[in-house]
Amino acid sequence: MDEDGNTFTKASMEYILAERKKVINTATNSAAIDRYVAERPITPAEAMLEFNGNIFPKKEILEQLSKIRTNKQL
């Protein structure tokens, strides 16, 4: 935070993503990753992740879907 109380957005996002990378590299299953992301969300969609009844890694699927939708070369 600077002297006026403003958050350093870029530095904060870099820290959050670095912490997520640590969890992804050390997690024993995708449910642990999903839980970590849902408990520390960046977007509303991450805050609304559900854990029961799905065998697929939601976080990775949402990221891939986002890449597909935004990549004009596909």
C-alpha atoms as a PDB file:
ATOM      1  CA  MET A   1       0.000   0.000   0.000  1.00  0.00           C
ATOM      2  CA  ASP A   2       1.278   3.463  -0.767  1.00  0.00           C
ATOM      3  CA  GLU A   3       1.198   6.438   1.590  1.00  0.00           C
ATOM      4  CA  ASP A   4      -2.326   7.357   0.393  1.00  0.00           C
ATOM      5  CA  GLY A   5      -3.730   3.910   1.162  1.00  0.00           C
ATOM      6  CA  ASN A   6      -3.948   2.744  -2.465  1.00  0.00           C
ATOM      7  CA  THR A   7      -3.344  -0.936  -3.145  1.00  0.00           C
ATOM      8  CA  PHE A   8      -0.525  -1.960  -5.464  1.00  0.00           C
ATOM      9  CA  THR A   9      -2.791  -3.949  -7.803  1.00  0.00           C
ATOM     10  CA  LYS A  10      -0.127  -5.396 -10.077  1.00  0.00           C
ATOM     11  CA  ALA A  11       2.127  -6.485  -7.205  1.00  0.00           C
ATOM     12  CA  SER A  12      -0.856  -7.968  -5.373  1.00  0.00           C
ATOM     13  CA  MET A  13      -1.934  -9.986  -8.417  1.00  0.00           C
ATOM     14  CA  GLU A  14       1.612 -11.248  -8.961  1.00  0.00           C
ATOM     15  CA  TYR A  15       1.764 -12.379  -5.332  1.00  0.00           C
ATOM     16  CA  ILE A  16      -1.606 -14.171  -5.546  1.00  0.00           C
ATOM     17  CA  LEU A  17      -0.608 -15.960  -8.755  1.00  0.00           C
ATOM     18  CA  ALA A  18       2.774 -16.952  -7.288  1.00  0.00           C
ATOM     19  CA  GLU A  19       1.039 -18.444  -4.247  1.00  0.00           C
ATOM     20  CA  ARG A  20      -1.352 -20.344  -6.514  1.00  0.00           C
ATOM     21  CA  LYS A  21       1.579 -21.719  -8.487  1.00  0.00           C
ATOM     22  CA  LYS A  22       3.094 -23.058  -5.246  1.00  0.00           C
ATOM     23  CA  VAL A  23      -0.197 -24.781  -4.383  1.00  0.00           C
ATOM     24  CA  ILE A  24      -0.542 -26.208  -7.903  1.00  0.00           C
ATOM     25  CA  ASN A  25       2.991 -27.608  -7.793  1.00  0.00           C
ATOM     26  CA  THR A  26       2.551 -29.229  -4.379  1.00  0.00           C
ATOM     27  CA  ALA A  27      -1.122 -30.303  -4.461  1.00  0.00           C
ATOM     28  CA  THR A  28      -1.891 -34.006  -4.337  1.00  0.00           C
ATOM     29  CA  ASN A  29      -5.172 -33.694  -6.255  1.00  0.00           C
ATOM     30  CA  SER A  30      -7.228 -31.195  -8.238  1.00  0.00           C
ATOM     31  CA  ALA A  31      -9.780 -30.823  -5.432  1.00  0.00           C
ATOM     32  CA  ALA A  32      -7.108 -29.188  -3.261  1.00  0.00           C
ATOM     33  CA  ILE A  33      -6.374 -26.690  -6.023  1.00  0.00           C
ATOM     34  CA  ASP A  34     -10.060 -25.955  -6.576  1.00  0.00           C
ATOM     35  CA  ARG A  35     -10.597 -25.413  -2.853  1.00  0.00           C
ATOM     36  CA  TYR A  36      -7.603 -23.059  -2.599  1.00  0.00           C
ATOM     37  CA  VAL A  37      -8.821 -21.015  -5.585  1.00  0.00           C
ATOM     38  CA  ALA A  38     -12.396 -20.833  -4.264  1.00  0.00           C
ATOM     39  CA  GLU A  39     -11.172 -19.705  -0.852  1.00  0.00           C
ATOM     40  CA  ARG A  40      -8.920 -17.021  -2.402  1.00  0.00           C
ATOM     41  CA  PRO A  41     -10.806 -15.952  -5.540  1.00  0.00           C
ATOM     42  CA  ILE A  42      -9.772 -13.322  -8.059  1.00  0.00           C
ATOM     43  CA  THR A  43     -13.001 -13.415 -10.063  1.00  0.00           C
ATOM     44  CA  PRO A  44     -16.639 -14.017  -9.097  1.00  0.00           C
ATOM     45  CA  ALA A  45     -16.589 -17.279 -11.068  1.00  0.00           C
ATOM     46  CA  GLU A  46     -13.757 -18.575  -8.888  1.00  0.00           C
ATOM     47  CA  ALA A  47     -15.687 -17.634  -5.768  1.00  0.00           C
ATOM     48  CA  MET A  48     -18.624 -19.734  -6.950  1.00  0.00           C
ATOM     49  CA  LEU A  49     -16.698 -22.953  -7.671  1.00  0.00           C
ATOM     50  CA  GLU A  50     -18.446 -26.081  -6.412  1.00  0.00           C
ATOM     51  CA  PHE A  51     -16.604 -29.098  -5.054  1.00  0.00           C
ATOM     52  CA  ASN A  52     -19.135 -31.916  -4.970  1.00  0.00           C
ATOM     53  CA  GLY A  53     -20.015 -34.305  -7.737  1.00  0.00           C
ATOM     54  CA  ASN A  54     -17.519 -33.336 -10.432  1.00  0.00           C
ATOM     55  CA  ILE A  55     -14.474 -35.419 -11.362  1.00  0.00           C
ATOM     56  CA  PHE A  56     -13.059 -32.818 -13.763  1.00  0.00           C
ATOM     57  CA  PRO A  57     -10.654 -30.017 -12.749  1.00  0.00           C
ATOM     58  CA  LYS A  58     -12.902 -26.967 -13.065  1.00  0.00           C
ATOM     59  CA  LYS A  59     -10.160 -24.361 -12.775  1.00  0.00           C
ATOM     60  CA  GLU A  60      -8.168 -25.831 -15.666  1.00  0.00           C
ATOM     61  CA  ILE A  61     -11.285 -26.258 -17.805  1.00  0.00           C
ATOM     62  CA  LEU A  62     -12.345 -22.643 -17.245  1.00  0.00           C
ATOM     63  CA  GLU A  63      -8.854 -21.402 -18.097  1.00  0.00           C
ATOM     64  CA  GLN A  64      -8.769 -23.445 -21.321  1.00  0.00           C
ATOM     65  CA  LEU A  65     -12.254 -22.282 -22.295  1.00  0.00           C
ATOM     66  CA  SER A  66     -11.185 -18.695 -21.741  1.00  0.00           C
ATOM     67  CA  LYS A  67      -8.126 -19.202 -23.968  1.00  0.00           C
ATOM     68  CA  ILE A  68     -10.280 -20.707 -26.711  1.00  0.00           C
ATOM     69  CA  ARG A  69     -12.807 -17.896 -26.574  1.00  0.00           C
ATOM     70  CA  THR A  70     -10.219 -15.109 -26.653  1.00  0.00           C
ATOM     71  CA  ASN A  71      -7.729 -16.552 -29.164  1.00  0.00           C
ATOM     72  CA  LYS A  72      -8.607 -15.140 -32.597  1.00  0.00           C
ATOM     73  CA  GLN A  73      -6.222 -17.547 -34.358  1.00  0.00           C
ATOM     74  CA  LEU A  74      -8.333 -20.607 -33.562  1.00  0.00           C
END
